[in-house]
Amino acid sequence: MSHRKFEHPRHGSLGFLPRKRAARHRGKVKAFPKDDPSKPCRLTAFLGYKAGMTHIVREVEKPGSSEFNL
């Protein structure tokens, strides 16, 4: 599962390395194409987010459940 340093991405789960928190919660667009008024409107950028930033805490209020009052 090796990778070439610049030409190709890492394979499989190694593509998500390094495993660390993102520096900011909001995505960042690094470049926009030049606007051409003669062309119709189109999508010029897409914001992406690093996976794994969300934590979910839930309370189970159903008596008899295996997760009740943990």
Protein backbone atom coordinates (compact mmCIF):
# COMPACT_ATOMS: atom_id res chain seq x y z
CA MET A 1 0.00 0.00 0.00
CA SER A 2 2.69 2.46 -0.87
CA HIS A 3 2.16 5.77 -2.57
CA ARG A 4 4.08 8.07 -4.84
CA LYS A 5 4.78 11.33 -3.11
CA PHE A 6 3.18 13.79 -5.54
CA GLU A 7 1.72 12.10 -8.62
CA HIS A 8 -0.95 9.83 -7.13
CA PRO A 9 -3.10 9.76 -3.99
CA ARG A 10 -2.72 7.22 -1.22
CA HIS A 11 -4.64 3.96 -1.47
CA GLY A 12 -7.60 2.93 0.70
CA SER A 13 -7.80 4.23 4.24
CA LEU A 14 -4.35 5.80 3.95
CA GLY A 15 -6.01 8.55 1.93
CA PHE A 16 -7.44 9.94 5.19
CA LEU A 17 -4.03 10.41 6.84
CA PRO A 18 -2.98 12.29 8.91
CA ARG A 19 -5.71 11.53 11.44
CA LYS A 20 -6.21 14.86 13.18
CA ARG A 21 -8.84 17.50 13.69
CA ALA A 22 -9.44 20.04 10.97
CA ALA A 23 -8.05 23.52 11.57
CA ARG A 24 -11.48 25.13 10.96
CA HIS A 25 -15.08 23.94 10.90
CA ARG A 26 -15.91 25.77 7.70
CA GLY A 27 -14.54 24.74 4.34
CA LYS A 28 -12.19 26.96 2.39
CA VAL A 29 -12.26 27.69 -1.34
CA LYS A 30 -8.74 28.33 -2.59
CA ALA A 31 -9.48 29.49 -6.13
CA PHE A 32 -12.41 30.83 -8.14
CA PRO A 33 -12.60 30.82 -11.94
CA LYS A 34 -12.89 34.21 -13.62
CA ASP A 35 -16.48 35.39 -14.05
CA ASP A 36 -17.69 35.69 -17.64
CA PRO A 37 -20.97 37.66 -17.90
CA SER A 38 -21.70 36.26 -21.37
CA LYS A 39 -22.00 32.69 -20.02
CA PRO A 40 -24.98 31.41 -17.96
CA CYS A 41 -24.76 30.99 -14.18
CA ARG A 42 -23.04 27.81 -13.01
CA LEU A 43 -21.50 26.22 -9.94
CA THR A 44 -18.05 27.74 -9.48
CA ALA A 45 -17.01 26.29 -6.12
CA PHE A 46 -17.90 23.53 -3.69
CA LEU A 47 -17.16 23.55 0.02
CA GLY A 48 -16.07 20.24 1.52
CA TYR A 49 -15.68 19.25 5.14
CA LYS A 50 -13.28 16.87 6.86
CA ALA A 51 -15.03 13.72 7.98
CA GLY A 52 -15.19 12.86 11.66
CA MET A 53 -15.75 16.28 13.18
CA THR A 54 -19.26 15.58 14.47
CA HIS A 55 -20.04 14.04 17.85
CA ILE A 56 -23.53 12.81 18.65
CA VAL A 57 -24.75 12.48 22.24
CA ARG A 58 -28.15 10.92 22.75
CA GLU A 59 -30.14 10.00 25.81
CA VAL A 60 -32.30 6.90 25.77
CA GLU A 61 -35.49 7.46 27.78
CA LYS A 62 -37.03 4.04 27.10
CA PRO A 63 -37.15 1.88 30.25
CA GLY A 64 -36.05 -1.68 29.60
CA SER A 65 -33.56 -0.66 26.93
CA SER A 66 -30.00 -1.93 27.31
CA GLU A 67 -28.74 1.67 27.02
CA PHE A 68 -31.19 3.15 29.56
CA ASN A 69 -29.48 5.01 32.46
CA LEU A 70 -25.90 4.36 31.36
